[in-house]
Amino acid sequence: MTTVPPSPPLRFTGEDTVREGVHSREFRLDADGRSVPGLLWTPEGAHGRRPLVLIGHGASNSKRQDYVLVVAHRLVRRYGFAAAAIDGPVHGDRRTDGVGSGPQVFLGFAQAWMDDPAMTDTMVADWRATLDGLRELPEVGEGPTGFWGLSMGTILGLPLVAAEPRITVAVLGLMGSTGPTRERIVADAPRVTCPVLFLVQWDDELFPRESALELFASLDAPEKRLVANLGSHAAVPDDVFDDTIGFLARRLPWPD
């Protein structure tokens, strides 16, 4: 009998481009029978261990969201880091209807957030499997790891940061102690013990600032910073993204 070797946990598929020194590659990862779609960004010609930042996108969009690309490219160009993003539940290449972004995707996530009690644990497992697979690559290796995720990126990323000891610094925010998974968020927040930069939009129409400030207060990080700006949920000033990138870079040392 011929034995068929198992599929590798992470395989590169589709997009493979180099632009202004940033190598962007699309990948698929097998995680407990789920096919997890993602993107990896590394410096052109990179080899050897380096810091890695996992980036969580917002609801109604995908791993190709504009600010995800901005954060990833700046981390790679300025600091030589690696960055990776995966599609969230009912988003991006996880969908089969071809709808990449917009109100239909947002409503699909809102429904899943309300109806699927396993959604958070599944996404945490997908992120941890992704981290396992990326650390096997010679151009990433077992270097220090950070997390960056706002809004839905915090809804699903804060539980990851709480559960994953390999993540040693995080950027979170645009979220509060509210919503269908409030109990989970409130329970996980004190388990976040790495340095955190937390963003709040003062006039956030989705997550009132009172609930955001409550969530920030409940984080048990030894170092945590709150950055608040006037404006609605999506009106984060561009220079704040630079601040978040610098916060990560200063706390993710290059491995020996």
Protein backbone atom coordinates (compact mmCIF):
# COMPACT_ATOMS: atom_id res chain seq x y z
CA MET A 1 0.00 0.00 0.00
CA THR A 2 1.29 3.47 -0.92
CA THR A 3 1.35 5.91 1.97
CA VAL A 4 0.35 9.44 1.06
CA PRO A 5 2.42 11.95 3.03
CA PRO A 6 0.43 14.51 5.00
CA SER A 7 0.05 17.99 3.60
CA PRO A 8 2.42 20.54 5.09
CA PRO A 9 0.67 22.70 7.70
CA LEU A 10 1.57 25.88 5.80
CA ARG A 11 1.89 26.13 2.04
CA PHE A 12 2.33 29.16 -0.20
CA THR A 13 -0.36 29.68 -2.82
CA GLY A 14 -1.38 32.39 -5.24
CA GLU A 15 0.15 35.83 -4.80
CA ASP A 16 3.94 36.07 -4.62
CA THR A 17 5.17 39.61 -5.25
CA VAL A 18 8.03 41.91 -4.31
CA ARG A 19 7.38 45.64 -4.11
CA GLU A 20 9.79 48.23 -2.77
CA GLY A 21 11.70 45.60 -0.83
CA VAL A 22 8.65 43.87 0.67
CA HIS A 23 8.06 40.23 -0.27
CA SER A 24 4.32 39.45 -0.04
CA ARG A 25 3.13 35.85 -0.21
CA GLU A 26 -0.29 34.28 0.12
CA PHE A 27 -0.52 31.08 2.16
CA ARG A 28 -2.97 28.46 3.32
CA LEU A 29 -2.74 26.69 6.62
CA ASP A 30 -4.45 23.49 7.74
CA ALA A 31 -5.78 23.84 11.30
CA ASP A 32 -7.96 21.03 12.65
CA GLY A 33 -9.51 20.50 9.23
CA ARG A 34 -10.01 24.22 8.54
CA SER A 35 -8.24 25.89 5.63
CA VAL A 36 -6.93 29.19 6.99
CA PRO A 37 -6.03 31.83 4.37
CA GLY A 38 -3.28 34.32 5.14
CA LEU A 39 -0.62 36.70 3.91
CA LEU A 40 3.02 36.89 4.97
CA TRP A 41 5.25 39.92 4.48
CA THR A 42 9.04 39.70 4.84
CA PRO A 43 11.99 41.76 3.62
CA GLU A 44 13.12 40.86 0.11
CA GLY A 45 15.70 38.08 0.32
CA ALA A 46 15.23 37.65 4.06
CA HIS A 47 16.83 34.71 5.83
CA GLY A 48 17.24 34.06 9.52
CA ARG A 49 15.16 34.69 12.62
CA ARG A 50 13.46 38.02 13.06
CA PRO A 51 10.60 39.60 15.07
CA LEU A 52 7.12 38.74 13.81
CA VAL A 53 3.91 40.77 14.20
CA LEU A 54 0.51 39.13 13.76
CA ILE A 55 -2.09 41.60 12.43
CA GLY A 56 -5.84 41.22 12.97
CA HIS A 57 -8.14 43.04 10.54
CA GLY A 58 -11.48 44.71 11.25
CA ALA A 59 -15.03 43.55 10.62
CA SER A 60 -16.38 43.83 7.07
CA ASN A 61 -12.90 43.66 5.54
CA SER A 62 -10.07 41.13 5.17
CA LYS A 63 -6.34 40.47 5.52
CA ARG A 64 -5.93 42.94 2.62
CA GLN A 65 -7.52 45.83 4.52
CA ASP A 66 -5.75 49.11 3.77
CA TYR A 67 -4.44 49.71 7.28
CA VAL A 68 -3.29 46.09 7.58
CA LEU A 69 -1.15 46.60 4.48
CA VAL A 70 0.16 49.92 5.82
CA VAL A 71 1.17 48.42 9.17
CA ALA A 72 2.74 45.34 7.57
CA HIS A 73 4.75 47.25 4.98
CA ARG A 74 6.04 49.78 7.51
CA LEU A 75 7.13 47.02 9.89
CA VAL A 76 9.02 45.28 7.09
CA ARG A 77 10.60 48.35 5.48
CA ARG A 78 11.56 50.28 8.58
CA TYR A 79 12.54 47.50 10.94
CA GLY A 80 13.15 44.34 8.88
CA PHE A 81 10.39 42.50 10.75
CA ALA A 82 8.05 39.85 9.38
CA ALA A 83 4.28 40.42 9.51
CA ALA A 84 1.32 38.15 8.87
CA ALA A 85 -2.46 38.40 8.73
CA ILE A 86 -5.21 35.80 8.35
CA ASP A 87 -8.83 36.24 7.37
CA GLY A 88 -11.28 36.33 10.25
CA PRO A 89 -14.49 34.26 10.48
CA VAL A 90 -16.83 34.77 7.47
CA HIS A 91 -14.29 37.20 5.97
CA GLY A 92 -12.05 37.34 2.92
CA ASP A 93 -11.01 34.07 1.35
CA ARG A 94 -12.94 32.08 3.96
CA ARG A 95 -16.09 33.12 2.09
CA THR A 96 -17.42 31.19 -0.87
CA ASP A 97 -19.73 33.87 -2.29
CA GLY A 98 -17.00 36.13 -3.66
CA VAL A 99 -18.03 39.08 -1.47
CA GLY A 100 -14.77 40.52 -0.17
CA SER A 101 -15.93 43.40 1.99
CA GLY A 102 -18.84 45.65 2.86
CA PRO A 103 -22.14 45.60 4.76
CA GLN A 104 -22.98 41.99 3.88
CA VAL A 105 -19.72 40.81 5.43
CA PHE A 106 -20.22 43.02 8.48
CA LEU A 107 -23.71 41.63 9.06
CA GLY A 108 -22.39 38.09 8.62
CA PHE A 109 -19.79 38.68 11.31
CA ALA A 110 -22.32 40.31 13.66
CA GLN A 111 -24.55 37.24 13.27
CA ALA A 112 -21.66 34.84 13.87
CA TRP A 113 -20.51 36.88 16.89
CA MET A 114 -23.97 36.49 18.36
CA ASP A 115 -24.75 32.90 17.36
CA ASP A 116 -21.46 30.98 17.35
CA PRO A 117 -20.10 30.48 20.88
CA ALA A 118 -17.07 28.61 19.49
CA MET A 119 -16.00 31.44 17.16
CA THR A 120 -13.46 33.00 19.53
CA ASP A 121 -11.80 29.71 20.44
CA THR A 122 -11.67 28.68 16.79
CA MET A 123 -9.97 31.93 15.78
CA VAL A 124 -7.50 31.66 18.66
CA ALA A 125 -6.66 28.12 17.49
CA ASP A 126 -6.23 29.33 13.90
CA TRP A 127 -3.87 32.09 15.01
CA ARG A 128 -1.82 29.71 17.17
CA ALA A 129 -1.55 27.21 14.31
CA THR A 130 -0.48 30.06 12.03
CA LEU A 131 2.21 31.10 14.50
CA ASP A 132 3.43 27.49 14.70
CA GLY A 133 3.65 27.29 10.90
CA LEU A 134 5.35 30.65 10.42
CA ARG A 135 8.02 29.90 13.03
CA GLU A 136 9.06 26.87 10.94
CA LEU A 137 10.06 29.15 8.06
CA PRO A 138 13.77 30.01 7.84
CA GLU A 139 12.99 33.67 7.10
CA VAL A 140 10.90 33.99 10.29
CA GLY A 141 12.12 31.43 12.82
CA GLU A 142 11.43 31.40 16.52
CA GLY A 143 11.90 35.09 17.14
CA PRO A 144 9.87 37.39 19.42
CA THR A 145 6.22 37.91 18.48
CA GLY A 146 3.82 40.81 18.80
CA PHE A 147 0.13 41.31 18.00
CA TRP A 148 -1.65 44.26 16.38
CA GLY A 149 -5.45 44.31 16.09
CA LEU A 150 -8.21 46.90 16.44
CA SER A 151 -11.99 46.53 16.67
CA MET A 152 -12.68 42.95 15.49
CA GLY A 153 -8.94 42.52 15.73
CA THR A 154 -9.31 43.05 19.48
CA ILE A 155 -12.57 41.10 19.82
CA LEU A 156 -10.74 38.01 18.55
CA GLY A 157 -7.16 39.07 19.30
CA LEU A 158 -7.36 39.92 22.99
CA PRO A 159 -8.25 36.28 23.84
CA LEU A 160 -5.28 35.20 21.71
CA VAL A 161 -2.89 37.52 23.55
CA ALA A 162 -4.28 36.23 26.85
CA ALA A 163 -3.73 32.60 25.81
CA GLU A 164 -0.44 32.77 23.89
CA PRO A 165 2.75 33.27 25.93
CA ARG A 166 4.85 33.70 22.79
CA ILE A 167 3.16 37.08 22.23
CA THR A 168 5.13 39.56 24.32
CA VAL A 169 3.64 42.93 23.26
CA ALA A 170 0.30 44.00 21.78
CA VAL A 171 -1.58 46.90 20.21
CA LEU A 172 -5.32 46.67 20.93
CA GLY A 173 -8.33 48.97 21.01
CA LEU A 174 -11.44 50.37 19.32
CA MET A 175 -13.33 47.88 21.47
CA GLY A 176 -14.87 47.81 24.95
CA SER A 177 -16.26 45.46 27.55
CA THR A 178 -19.44 44.99 25.57
CA GLY A 179 -21.02 42.87 22.83
CA PRO A 180 -22.13 39.23 22.55
CA THR A 181 -18.80 37.90 23.91
CA ARG A 182 -18.55 40.45 26.71
CA GLU A 183 -18.15 37.75 29.38
CA ARG A 184 -15.23 36.20 27.49
CA ILE A 185 -13.53 39.56 26.94
CA VAL A 186 -13.97 40.57 30.58
CA ALA A 187 -12.59 37.21 31.75
CA ASP A 188 -9.58 37.31 29.40
CA ALA A 189 -8.56 40.95 29.94
CA PRO A 190 -6.83 40.35 33.31
CA ARG A 191 -4.85 37.54 31.65
CA VAL A 192 -3.21 40.00 29.27
CA THR A 193 0.09 40.55 31.03
CA CYS A 194 2.36 41.84 28.26
CA PRO A 195 2.92 45.54 27.44
CA VAL A 196 -0.15 46.99 25.66
CA LEU A 197 -0.87 50.16 23.69
CA PHE A 198 -4.65 50.66 23.66
CA LEU A 199 -6.45 53.00 21.23
CA VAL A 200 -9.75 54.75 21.95
CA GLN A 201 -11.82 56.95 19.65
CA TRP A 202 -13.57 59.48 21.88
CA ASP A 203 -16.71 59.63 19.74
CA ASP A 204 -16.83 55.93 18.82
CA GLU A 205 -20.35 55.11 17.65
CA LEU A 206 -19.83 51.33 17.90
CA PHE A 207 -18.03 50.96 21.24
CA PRO A 208 -18.73 53.82 23.69
CA ARG A 209 -15.62 55.21 25.31
CA GLU A 210 -16.87 54.28 28.80
CA SER A 211 -16.78 50.59 27.86
CA ALA A 212 -13.37 51.02 26.18
CA LEU A 213 -11.93 52.69 29.27
CA GLU A 214 -13.38 49.90 31.41
CA LEU A 215 -11.68 47.29 29.24
CA PHE A 216 -8.37 49.16 29.36
CA ALA A 217 -8.55 49.35 33.15
CA SER A 218 -9.10 45.60 33.44
CA LEU A 219 -5.93 44.66 31.51
CA ASP A 220 -3.28 43.36 33.91
CA ALA A 221 -0.35 44.47 31.77
CA PRO A 222 2.65 45.77 33.75
CA GLU A 223 3.01 48.46 31.09
CA LYS A 224 -0.08 49.80 29.36
CA ARG A 225 -0.69 53.04 27.52
CA LEU A 226 -3.96 54.62 26.47
CA VAL A 227 -4.06 56.78 23.34
CA ALA A 228 -7.37 58.60 22.83
CA ASN A 229 -8.33 60.72 19.83
CA LEU A 230 -11.41 62.70 18.91
CA GLY A 231 -13.55 61.24 16.17
CA SER A 232 -15.66 58.29 15.16
CA HIS A 233 -14.75 54.58 15.18
CA ALA A 234 -12.92 54.66 11.86
CA ALA A 235 -11.29 58.10 12.23
CA VAL A 236 -7.96 56.99 13.72
CA PRO A 237 -5.33 59.58 12.65
CA ASP A 238 -2.64 58.23 10.34
CA ASP A 239 0.21 59.28 12.62
CA VAL A 240 -1.25 57.10 15.38
CA PHE A 241 -0.53 54.05 13.22
CA ASP A 242 3.12 55.12 13.23
CA ASP A 243 2.98 55.40 17.02
CA THR A 244 1.66 51.84 17.31
CA ILE A 245 4.36 50.49 15.01
CA GLY A 246 7.06 52.24 17.02
CA PHE A 247 5.60 50.86 20.26
CA LEU A 248 5.91 47.32 18.91
CA ALA A 249 9.36 47.83 17.40
CA ARG A 250 10.84 49.15 20.65
CA ARG A 251 9.65 46.07 22.53
CA LEU A 252 10.46 43.31 20.05
CA PRO A 253 14.21 42.73 20.23
CA TRP A 254 16.05 40.98 17.47
CA PRO A 255 16.95 37.41 18.44
CA ASP A 256 20.62 36.61 19.04
